[in-house]
Amino acid sequence: MTFPKNPILLVLACWLTSMAASAADTHPPLLVCYPGGAVNEQDAKGAMDALLRVVERVGQWPQNSFTSQFTVKADECKRLLTEQRPGFAITSLGLFLELRDRHNLVPVVQPKIHGRVSDRYRVMVRQGKYKTLDELKGKALGGTVLEEPAFIGRIVFAGKIDPAGFFKLTPTRQAIRALRALDKGEIDAVLLNEQQYSALGSLQLAHPLEAVFASEDIPLMGLVADGKATTAEERARFAKALEGMCADTEGKKLCEMFGVESFVAADRAAFEPMIQQWAGGN
């Protein structure tokens, strides 16, 4: 059994940083940022290469036109964005919100999973152990999504809790490890995203779990573009190619492998409350 580790970013890792039409293009590769992800970079490269070839065919670009660069470190992502200035990137929502103004980032495409283009986060505890979030003050919180505490505080907890000061944060690279630690009583709570929460039924834990907190719906992040370095036509072409990916024979297999139903044009209005919420946390 494989517990999901937010494979969205791997599925999306398939676009170049410009609209060049030859393998000789000298622009920097698409930057793929997966903060805190439990992903072997060599494995990620293989998945990206396969996806790139499908997107090239669906989007009618020459084969081997596109390349990508992958990192699981938020600080490395920020450095590469500054140094390489890619036209397109795949980021977490937290990185998008933090770097949006600095790099003129605009959402282009979102994944749809289980009919949703939004995420939800839950704080899980052993059933009956704690009843409210307040009871977890000073307690150990684990999870794979703790690489970006500012995002967790400003967006997930809507600015009401500073996770670094409220909890003893114990980030993990795999959600299943955090859940097993919770089951054994080694930590007090685990923060899960929607995909991880949906997979709980497949786990065999000694103690039942319950949620003491659930966030509001938060839009899933996907492909973003530098609004000044790319044109509306370029962004529309990428969006069209990606929207057709899961309907393609080979593309469908890849989409199913990662649990993505389809890719849709980003609903920019859905990100506005997040942008305002982030600004209010400064």
C-alpha atoms as a PDB file:
ATOM      1  CA  MET A   1       0.000   0.000   0.000  1.00  0.00           C
ATOM      2  CA  THR A   2       1.331   3.409  -0.963  1.00  0.00           C
ATOM      3  CA  PHE A   3       0.136   6.384   1.071  1.00  0.00           C
ATOM      4  CA  PRO A   4      -0.246   9.460  -1.164  1.00  0.00           C
ATOM      5  CA  LYS A   5       2.370  12.184  -0.774  1.00  0.00           C
ATOM      6  CA  ASN A   6       0.584  14.879  -2.793  1.00  0.00           C
ATOM      7  CA  PRO A   7       1.500  13.540  -6.261  1.00  0.00           C
ATOM      8  CA  ILE A   8      -0.123  16.543  -7.929  1.00  0.00           C
ATOM      9  CA  LEU A   9       3.203  18.277  -8.308  1.00  0.00           C
ATOM     10  CA  LEU A  10       4.717  15.231  -9.974  1.00  0.00           C
ATOM     11  CA  VAL A  11       1.848  15.016 -12.445  1.00  0.00           C
ATOM     12  CA  LEU A  12       2.211  18.689 -13.230  1.00  0.00           C
ATOM     13  CA  ALA A  13       5.962  18.423 -13.739  1.00  0.00           C
ATOM     14  CA  CYS A  14       5.793  18.534 -17.464  1.00  0.00           C
ATOM     15  CA  TRP A  15       6.125  21.974 -18.956  1.00  0.00           C
ATOM     16  CA  LEU A  16       8.949  24.140 -20.255  1.00  0.00           C
ATOM     17  CA  THR A  17       9.686  27.726 -19.307  1.00  0.00           C
ATOM     18  CA  SER A  18       9.130  29.180 -22.782  1.00  0.00           C
ATOM     19  CA  MET A  19       7.285  28.528 -26.001  1.00  0.00           C
ATOM     20  CA  ALA A  20      10.429  27.553 -27.907  1.00  0.00           C
ATOM     21  CA  ALA A  21       9.855  24.971 -30.629  1.00  0.00           C
ATOM     22  CA  SER A  22      13.189  23.183 -30.742  1.00  0.00           C
ATOM     23  CA  ALA A  23      15.373  21.085 -28.459  1.00  0.00           C
ATOM     24  CA  ALA A  24      18.129  23.638 -28.929  1.00  0.00           C
ATOM     25  CA  ASP A  25      16.199  26.172 -26.843  1.00  0.00           C
ATOM     26  CA  THR A  26      18.540  27.767 -24.297  1.00  0.00           C
ATOM     27  CA  HIS A  27      15.916  29.002 -21.831  1.00  0.00           C
ATOM     28  CA  PRO A  28      16.063  27.550 -18.291  1.00  0.00           C
ATOM     29  CA  PRO A  29      13.947  24.449 -17.613  1.00  0.00           C
ATOM     30  CA  LEU A  30      10.568  24.446 -15.963  1.00  0.00           C
ATOM     31  CA  LEU A  31      11.073  24.748 -12.216  1.00  0.00           C
ATOM     32  CA  VAL A  32       9.184  22.215 -10.100  1.00  0.00           C
ATOM     33  CA  CYS A  33       9.029  22.987  -6.377  1.00  0.00           C
ATOM     34  CA  TYR A  34       7.719  20.311  -3.988  1.00  0.00           C
ATOM     35  CA  PRO A  35       8.475  21.596  -0.443  1.00  0.00           C
ATOM     36  CA  GLY A  36       8.741  18.805   2.094  1.00  0.00           C
ATOM     37  CA  GLY A  37       7.946  16.120  -0.434  1.00  0.00           C
ATOM     38  CA  ALA A  38       9.064  12.559   0.175  1.00  0.00           C
ATOM     39  CA  VAL A  39      10.223  12.082  -3.382  1.00  0.00           C
ATOM     40  CA  ASN A  40      13.417  10.556  -4.684  1.00  0.00           C
ATOM     41  CA  GLU A  41      14.716  13.116  -7.167  1.00  0.00           C
ATOM     42  CA  GLN A  42      15.865  10.431  -9.606  1.00  0.00           C
ATOM     43  CA  ASP A  43      12.419   8.821  -9.533  1.00  0.00           C
ATOM     44  CA  ALA A  44      10.857  12.244  -9.995  1.00  0.00           C
ATOM     45  CA  LYS A  45      13.045  12.871 -13.044  1.00  0.00           C
ATOM     46  CA  GLY A  46      11.846   9.640 -14.670  1.00  0.00           C
ATOM     47  CA  ALA A  47       8.198  10.541 -14.065  1.00  0.00           C
ATOM     48  CA  MET A  48       8.742  14.051 -15.395  1.00  0.00           C
ATOM     49  CA  ASP A  49      10.470  12.816 -18.543  1.00  0.00           C
ATOM     50  CA  ALA A  50       7.525  10.532 -19.338  1.00  0.00           C
ATOM     51  CA  LEU A  51       5.029  13.310 -18.721  1.00  0.00           C
ATOM     52  CA  LEU A  52       6.980  15.802 -20.779  1.00  0.00           C
ATOM     53  CA  ARG A  53       6.862  13.557 -23.812  1.00  0.00           C
ATOM     54  CA  VAL A  54       3.068  13.226 -23.544  1.00  0.00           C
ATOM     55  CA  VAL A  55       2.543  16.963 -23.168  1.00  0.00           C
ATOM     56  CA  GLU A  56       4.817  17.652 -26.137  1.00  0.00           C
ATOM     57  CA  ARG A  57       2.677  15.370 -28.286  1.00  0.00           C
ATOM     58  CA  VAL A  58      -0.654  16.690 -27.002  1.00  0.00           C
ATOM     59  CA  GLY A  59       0.523  20.273 -27.376  1.00  0.00           C
ATOM     60  CA  GLN A  60       2.176  19.555 -30.758  1.00  0.00           C
ATOM     61  CA  TRP A  61       5.683  20.577 -29.732  1.00  0.00           C
ATOM     62  CA  PRO A  62       8.736  18.782 -31.170  1.00  0.00           C
ATOM     63  CA  GLN A  63       9.914  15.808 -29.118  1.00  0.00           C
ATOM     64  CA  ASN A  64      12.499  16.608 -26.441  1.00  0.00           C
ATOM     65  CA  SER A  65      11.679  20.302 -26.555  1.00  0.00           C
ATOM     66  CA  PHE A  66      11.078  20.507 -22.825  1.00  0.00           C
ATOM     67  CA  THR A  67      13.132  19.892 -19.709  1.00  0.00           C
ATOM     68  CA  SER A  68      12.483  20.438 -16.012  1.00  0.00           C
ATOM     69  CA  GLN A  69      14.309  21.006 -12.748  1.00  0.00           C
ATOM     70  CA  PHE A  70      13.040  19.598  -9.446  1.00  0.00           C
ATOM     71  CA  THR A  71      13.590  20.504  -5.787  1.00  0.00           C
ATOM     72  CA  VAL A  72      11.956  19.584  -2.478  1.00  0.00           C
ATOM     73  CA  LYS A  73      13.523  22.534  -0.655  1.00  0.00           C
ATOM     74  CA  ALA A  74      11.586  25.784  -0.368  1.00  0.00           C
ATOM     75  CA  ASP A  75      14.736  27.905  -0.046  1.00  0.00           C
ATOM     76  CA  GLU A  76      16.239  26.252  -3.128  1.00  0.00           C
ATOM     77  CA  CYS A  77      13.061  26.987  -5.060  1.00  0.00           C
ATOM     78  CA  LYS A  78      13.257  30.669  -4.131  1.00  0.00           C
ATOM     79  CA  ARG A  79      16.909  30.828  -5.182  1.00  0.00           C
ATOM     80  CA  LEU A  80      16.255  29.157  -8.532  1.00  0.00           C
ATOM     81  CA  LEU A  81      13.290  31.388  -9.268  1.00  0.00           C
ATOM     82  CA  THR A  82      15.470  34.423  -8.672  1.00  0.00           C
ATOM     83  CA  GLU A  83      18.496  33.169 -10.597  1.00  0.00           C
ATOM     84  CA  GLN A  84      16.793  31.439 -13.537  1.00  0.00           C
ATOM     85  CA  ARG A  85      13.687  33.599 -13.901  1.00  0.00           C
ATOM     86  CA  PRO A  86      11.625  30.792 -15.495  1.00  0.00           C
ATOM     87  CA  GLY A  87       8.539  31.802 -17.424  1.00  0.00           C
ATOM     88  CA  PHE A  88       6.613  28.842 -15.964  1.00  0.00           C
ATOM     89  CA  ALA A  89       6.909  27.002 -12.654  1.00  0.00           C
ATOM     90  CA  ILE A  90       5.092  24.517 -10.478  1.00  0.00           C
ATOM     91  CA  THR A  91       4.907  25.652  -6.877  1.00  0.00           C
ATOM     92  CA  SER A  92       3.034  25.025  -3.691  1.00  0.00           C
ATOM     93  CA  LEU A  93       0.300  27.503  -2.844  1.00  0.00           C
ATOM     94  CA  GLY A  94       2.470  28.869  -0.048  1.00  0.00           C
ATOM     95  CA  LEU A  95       5.359  29.623  -2.386  1.00  0.00           C
ATOM     96  CA  PHE A  96       2.989  31.175  -4.921  1.00  0.00           C
ATOM     97  CA  LEU A  97       1.584  33.517  -2.286  1.00  0.00           C
ATOM     98  CA  GLU A  98       4.996  34.446  -0.905  1.00  0.00           C
ATOM     99  CA  LEU A  99       6.657  35.017  -4.292  1.00  0.00           C
ATOM    100  CA  ARG A 100       3.674  36.256  -6.281  1.00  0.00           C
ATOM    101  CA  ASP A 101       4.545  39.959  -6.315  1.00  0.00           C
ATOM    102  CA  ARG A 102       8.302  39.455  -6.606  1.00  0.00           C
ATOM    103  CA  HIS A 103       8.041  37.229  -9.700  1.00  0.00           C
ATOM    104  CA  ASN A 104       4.731  38.435 -11.212  1.00  0.00           C
ATOM    105  CA  LEU A 105       3.196  34.980 -10.757  1.00  0.00           C
ATOM    106  CA  VAL A 106      -0.269  34.182 -12.104  1.00  0.00           C
ATOM    107  CA  PRO A 107      -2.108  30.828 -11.832  1.00  0.00           C
ATOM    108  CA  VAL A 108      -2.496  29.017 -15.165  1.00  0.00           C
ATOM    109  CA  VAL A 109      -3.771  25.463 -14.552  1.00  0.00           C
ATOM    110  CA  GLN A 110      -5.172  23.505 -11.602  1.00  0.00           C
ATOM    111  CA  PRO A 111      -5.582  19.727 -11.178  1.00  0.00           C
ATOM    112  CA  LYS A 112      -9.003  18.241 -10.452  1.00  0.00           C
ATOM    113  CA  ILE A 113      -9.034  15.346  -7.984  1.00  0.00           C
ATOM    114  CA  HIS A 114     -12.211  13.524  -6.899  1.00  0.00           C
ATOM    115  CA  GLY A 115     -14.201  16.245  -8.615  1.00  0.00           C
ATOM    116  CA  ARG A 116     -12.508  19.002  -6.607  1.00  0.00           C
ATOM    117  CA  VAL A 117     -10.030  21.742  -7.420  1.00  0.00           C
ATOM    118  CA  SER A 118      -9.681  22.591  -3.738  1.00  0.00           C
ATOM    119  CA  ASP A 119      -7.863  21.112  -0.770  1.00  0.00           C
ATOM    120  CA  ARG A 120      -8.710  20.894   2.925  1.00  0.00           C
ATOM    121  CA  TYR A 121      -6.404  20.367   5.879  1.00  0.00           C
ATOM    122  CA  ARG A 122      -7.251  18.525   9.086  1.00  0.00           C
ATOM    123  CA  VAL A 123      -5.532  18.123  12.440  1.00  0.00           C
ATOM    124  CA  MET A 124      -5.938  14.483  13.427  1.00  0.00           C
ATOM    125  CA  VAL A 125      -5.601  13.071  16.959  1.00  0.00           C
ATOM    126  CA  ARG A 126      -6.231   9.727  18.624  1.00  0.00           C
ATOM    127  CA  GLN A 127      -9.952   9.458  19.264  1.00  0.00           C
ATOM    128  CA  GLY A 128     -10.939  10.777  22.690  1.00  0.00           C
ATOM    129  CA  LYS A 129      -7.462  12.130  23.507  1.00  0.00           C
ATOM    130  CA  TYR A 130      -8.144  15.790  22.710  1.00  0.00           C
ATOM    131  CA  LYS A 131     -11.385  17.589  21.953  1.00  0.00           C
ATOM    132  CA  THR A 132     -10.235  20.999  20.714  1.00  0.00           C
ATOM    133  CA  LEU A 133      -7.291  22.596  18.949  1.00  0.00           C
ATOM    134  CA  ASP A 134      -6.584  24.704  22.040  1.00  0.00           C
ATOM    135  CA  GLU A 135      -5.796  21.539  23.998  1.00  0.00           C
ATOM    136  CA  LEU A 136      -2.894  20.883  21.630  1.00  0.00           C
ATOM    137  CA  LYS A 137      -0.982  24.024  22.627  1.00  0.00           C
ATOM    138  CA  GLY A 138       2.610  23.025  23.317  1.00  0.00           C
ATOM    139  CA  LYS A 139       2.013  19.517  21.930  1.00  0.00           C
ATOM    140  CA  ALA A 140       3.873  17.782  19.100  1.00  0.00           C
ATOM    141  CA  LEU A 141       2.351  18.182  15.629  1.00  0.00           C
ATOM    142  CA  GLY A 142       3.682  16.059  12.745  1.00  0.00           C
ATOM    143  CA  GLY A 143       3.049  15.949   9.018  1.00  0.00           C
ATOM    144  CA  THR A 144       4.530  16.420   5.578  1.00  0.00           C
ATOM    145  CA  VAL A 145       3.056  19.898   5.071  1.00  0.00           C
ATOM    146  CA  LEU A 146       5.000  21.653   7.838  1.00  0.00           C
ATOM    147  CA  GLU A 147       7.865  22.767   5.586  1.00  0.00           C
ATOM    148  CA  GLU A 148       6.024  26.075   5.139  1.00  0.00           C
ATOM    149  CA  PRO A 149       4.870  27.239   8.595  1.00  0.00           C
ATOM    150  CA  ALA A 150       3.897  30.702   7.312  1.00  0.00           C
ATOM    151  CA  PHE A 151       1.423  29.108   4.884  1.00  0.00           C
ATOM    152  CA  ILE A 152       0.040  26.848   7.607  1.00  0.00           C
ATOM    153  CA  GLY A 153      -0.421  29.811   9.949  1.00  0.00           C
ATOM    154  CA  ARG A 154      -1.798  32.385   7.523  1.00  0.00           C
ATOM    155  CA  ILE A 155      -3.884  30.161   5.253  1.00  0.00           C
ATOM    156  CA  VAL A 156      -4.644  26.811   6.888  1.00  0.00           C
ATOM    157  CA  PHE A 157      -5.274  28.304  10.335  1.00  0.00           C
ATOM    158  CA  ALA A 158      -6.522  31.581   8.801  1.00  0.00           C
ATOM    159  CA  GLY A 159      -4.077  33.678  10.820  1.00  0.00           C
ATOM    160  CA  LYS A 160      -5.470  32.515  14.170  1.00  0.00           C
ATOM    161  CA  ILE A 161      -2.505  30.329  15.152  1.00  0.00           C
ATOM    162  CA  ASP A 162       1.234  30.693  14.660  1.00  0.00           C
ATOM    163  CA  PRO A 163       2.154  27.005  14.288  1.00  0.00           C
ATOM    164  CA  ALA A 164       5.823  27.515  15.170  1.00  0.00           C
ATOM    165  CA  GLY A 165       4.880  29.105  18.498  1.00  0.00           C
ATOM    166  CA  PHE A 166       1.744  27.095  19.249  1.00  0.00           C
ATOM    167  CA  PHE A 167       2.958  23.548  18.535  1.00  0.00           C
ATOM    168  CA  LYS A 168       6.174  21.588  18.781  1.00  0.00           C
ATOM    169  CA  LEU A 169       6.547  21.031  15.063  1.00  0.00           C
ATOM    170  CA  THR A 170       7.907  17.642  13.982  1.00  0.00           C
ATOM    171  CA  PRO A 171       7.964  17.639  10.162  1.00  0.00           C
ATOM    172  CA  THR A 172       8.158  14.286   8.381  1.00  0.00           C
ATOM    173  CA  ARG A 173       8.857  13.353   4.768  1.00  0.00           C
ATOM    174  CA  GLN A 174       6.089  10.724   4.744  1.00  0.00           C
ATOM    175  CA  ALA A 175       2.562  11.068   6.123  1.00  0.00           C
ATOM    176  CA  ILE A 176       2.408   7.392   7.046  1.00  0.00           C
ATOM    177  CA  ARG A 177       5.391   7.780   9.379  1.00  0.00           C
ATOM    178  CA  ALA A 178       3.708  10.665  11.168  1.00  0.00           C
ATOM    179  CA  LEU A 179       0.481   8.672  11.496  1.00  0.00           C
ATOM    180  CA  ARG A 180       2.297   5.660  12.897  1.00  0.00           C
ATOM    181  CA  ALA A 181       4.055   7.923  15.402  1.00  0.00           C
ATOM    182  CA  LEU A 182       0.642   9.306  16.394  1.00  0.00           C
ATOM    183  CA  ASP A 183      -0.752   5.788  16.713  1.00  0.00           C
ATOM    184  CA  LYS A 184       2.110   4.881  19.060  1.00  0.00           C
ATOM    185  CA  GLY A 185       1.675   8.035  21.131  1.00  0.00           C
ATOM    186  CA  GLU A 186       5.066   9.426  20.113  1.00  0.00           C
ATOM    187  CA  ILE A 187       3.446  12.644  18.864  1.00  0.00           C
ATOM    188  CA  ASP A 188       0.100  14.230  19.707  1.00  0.00           C
ATOM    189  CA  ALA A 189      -1.371  15.201  16.352  1.00  0.00           C
ATOM    190  CA  VAL A 190      -0.835  15.084  12.582  1.00  0.00           C
ATOM    191  CA  LEU A 191      -1.784  17.671   9.974  1.00  0.00           C
ATOM    192  CA  LEU A 192      -3.100  16.021   6.798  1.00  0.00           C
ATOM    193  CA  ASN A 193      -4.131  17.391   3.422  1.00  0.00           C
ATOM    194  CA  GLU A 194      -7.244  16.107   1.631  1.00  0.00           C
ATOM    195  CA  GLN A 195      -5.495  13.307  -0.281  1.00  0.00           C
ATOM    196  CA  GLN A 196      -3.789  12.010   2.837  1.00  0.00           C
ATOM    197  CA  TYR A 197      -7.011  12.179   4.831  1.00  0.00           C
ATOM    198  CA  SER A 198      -8.896  10.282   2.109  1.00  0.00           C
ATOM    199  CA  ALA A 199      -6.366   7.433   2.355  1.00  0.00           C
ATOM    200  CA  LEU A 200      -6.805   6.869   6.092  1.00  0.00           C
ATOM    201  CA  GLY A 201      -9.273   4.041   5.506  1.00  0.00           C
ATOM    202  CA  SER A 202      -6.558   1.952   3.870  1.00  0.00           C
ATOM    203  CA  LEU A 203      -4.312   2.070   6.941  1.00  0.00           C
ATOM    204  CA  GLN A 204      -4.260  -0.441   9.762  1.00  0.00           C
ATOM    205  CA  LEU A 205      -3.829   1.584  12.945  1.00  0.00           C
ATOM    206  CA  ALA A 206      -4.286   0.345  16.492  1.00  0.00           C
ATOM    207  CA  HIS A 207      -6.239   3.438  17.528  1.00  0.00           C
ATOM    208  CA  PRO A 208      -9.045   5.231  15.666  1.00  0.00           C
ATOM    209  CA  LEU A 209      -8.412   8.857  14.752  1.00  0.00           C
ATOM    210  CA  GLU A 210     -10.604  11.925  14.674  1.00  0.00           C
ATOM    211  CA  ALA A 211     -10.230  15.502  13.486  1.00  0.00           C
ATOM    212  CA  VAL A 212     -10.177  18.367  15.980  1.00  0.00           C
ATOM    213  CA  PHE A 213      -9.749  20.957  13.238  1.00  0.00           C
ATOM    214  CA  ALA A 214     -10.648  21.263   9.560  1.00  0.00           C
ATOM    215  CA  SER A 215      -9.666  24.211   7.395  1.00  0.00           C
ATOM    216  CA  GLU A 216     -11.868  25.984   4.900  1.00  0.00           C
ATOM    217  CA  ASP A 217     -11.531  24.896   1.276  1.00  0.00           C
ATOM    218  CA  ILE A 218      -8.186  26.007  -0.148  1.00  0.00           C
ATOM    219  CA  PRO A 219      -7.571  26.023  -3.929  1.00  0.00           C
ATOM    220  CA  LEU A 220      -5.192  23.427  -5.300  1.00  0.00           C
ATOM    221  CA  MET A 221      -2.082  24.984  -6.780  1.00  0.00           C
ATOM    222  CA  GLY A 222      -0.702  23.920 -10.131  1.00  0.00           C
ATOM    223  CA  LEU A 223       1.162  25.609 -12.943  1.00  0.00           C
ATOM    224  CA  VAL A 224       1.971  29.309 -12.576  1.00  0.00           C
ATOM    225  CA  ALA A 225       3.538  31.743 -15.014  1.00  0.00           C
ATOM    226  CA  ASP A 226       5.575  34.906 -14.807  1.00  0.00           C
ATOM    227  CA  GLY A 227       2.965  37.311 -16.135  1.00  0.00           C
ATOM    228  CA  LYS A 228       5.592  39.648 -17.539  1.00  0.00           C
ATOM    229  CA  ALA A 229       7.889  37.017 -19.071  1.00  0.00           C
ATOM    230  CA  THR A 230       5.068  35.171 -20.870  1.00  0.00           C
ATOM    231  CA  THR A 231       2.239  36.278 -23.121  1.00  0.00           C
ATOM    232  CA  ALA A 232      -1.460  35.530 -22.786  1.00  0.00           C
ATOM    233  CA  GLU A 233      -1.187  33.423 -25.948  1.00  0.00           C
ATOM    234  CA  GLU A 234       1.636  31.326 -24.477  1.00  0.00           C
ATOM    235  CA  ARG A 235      -0.275  30.752 -21.255  1.00  0.00           C
ATOM    236  CA  ALA A 236      -3.414  29.797 -23.175  1.00  0.00           C
ATOM    237  CA  ARG A 237      -1.473  27.287 -25.294  1.00  0.00           C
ATOM    238  CA  PHE A 238      -0.091  25.552 -22.219  1.00  0.00           C
ATOM    239  CA  ALA A 239      -3.507  25.491 -20.609  1.00  0.00           C
ATOM    240  CA  LYS A 240      -5.081  23.951 -23.723  1.00  0.00           C
ATOM    241  CA  ALA A 241      -2.396  21.259 -23.932  1.00  0.00           C
ATOM    242  CA  LEU A 242      -2.818  20.318 -20.288  1.00  0.00           C
ATOM    243  CA  GLU A 243      -6.596  20.291 -20.450  1.00  0.00           C
ATOM    244  CA  GLY A 244      -6.275  17.623 -23.157  1.00  0.00           C
ATOM    245  CA  MET A 245      -3.644  15.555 -21.397  1.00  0.00           C
ATOM    246  CA  CYS A 246      -5.924  13.247 -19.382  1.00  0.00           C
ATOM    247  CA  ALA A 247      -8.040  12.516 -22.470  1.00  0.00           C
ATOM    248  CA  ASP A 248      -4.972  11.352 -24.405  1.00  0.00           C
ATOM    249  CA  THR A 249      -4.385   7.575 -24.468  1.00  0.00           C
ATOM    250  CA  GLU A 250      -0.964   7.731 -22.792  1.00  0.00           C
ATOM    251  CA  GLY A 251      -1.750  10.842 -20.814  1.00  0.00           C
ATOM    252  CA  LYS A 252      -4.809   9.169 -19.301  1.00  0.00           C
ATOM    253  CA  LYS A 253      -2.642   6.374 -17.890  1.00  0.00           C
ATOM    254  CA  LEU A 254      -0.370   8.897 -16.222  1.00  0.00           C
ATOM    255  CA  CYS A 255      -3.286  10.883 -14.840  1.00  0.00           C
ATOM    256  CA  GLU A 256      -4.878   7.738 -13.406  1.00  0.00           C
ATOM    257  CA  MET A 257      -1.560   6.678 -11.901  1.00  0.00           C
ATOM    258  CA  PHE A 258      -1.436   9.871  -9.858  1.00  0.00           C
ATOM    259  CA  GLY A 259      -5.139  10.156  -9.106  1.00  0.00           C
ATOM    260  CA  VAL A 260      -5.762  13.245 -11.220  1.00  0.00           C
ATOM    261  CA  GLU A 261      -9.032  13.348 -13.156  1.00  0.00           C
ATOM    262  CA  SER A 262      -8.210  16.317 -15.340  1.00  0.00           C
ATOM    263  CA  PHE A 263      -6.501  19.675 -15.547  1.00  0.00           C
ATOM    264  CA  VAL A 264      -8.587  22.815 -15.797  1.00  0.00           C
ATOM    265  CA  ALA A 265      -7.838  26.465 -16.364  1.00  0.00           C
ATOM    266  CA  ALA A 266      -7.103  28.088 -13.014  1.00  0.00           C
ATOM    267  CA  ASP A 267      -9.968  29.959 -11.402  1.00  0.00           C
ATOM    268  CA  ARG A 268      -8.131  33.149 -10.484  1.00  0.00           C
ATOM    269  CA  ALA A 269     -11.062  34.407  -8.423  1.00  0.00           C
ATOM    270  CA  ALA A 270     -10.596  31.443  -6.072  1.00  0.00           C
ATOM    271  CA  PHE A 271      -7.080  32.644  -5.259  1.00  0.00           C
ATOM    272  CA  GLU A 272      -8.084  36.200  -4.365  1.00  0.00           C
ATOM    273  CA  PRO A 273      -9.208  35.363  -0.785  1.00  0.00           C
ATOM    274  CA  MET A 274      -5.923  33.506  -0.299  1.00  0.00           C
ATOM    275  CA  ILE A 275      -3.953  36.519  -1.531  1.00  0.00           C
ATOM    276  CA  GLN A 276      -5.844  38.819   0.841  1.00  0.00           C
ATOM    277  CA  GLN A 277      -5.454  36.384   3.718  1.00  0.00           C
ATOM    278  CA  TRP A 278      -1.721  36.135   3.090  1.00  0.00           C
ATOM    279  CA  ALA A 279      -1.336  39.912   2.969  1.00  0.00           C
ATOM    280  CA  GLY A 280      -3.240  40.219   6.234  1.00  0.00           C
ATOM    281  CA  GLY A 281      -0.684  37.997   7.930  1.00  0.00           C
ATOM    282  CA  ASN A 282       2.209  40.401   7.350  1.00  0.00           C
END
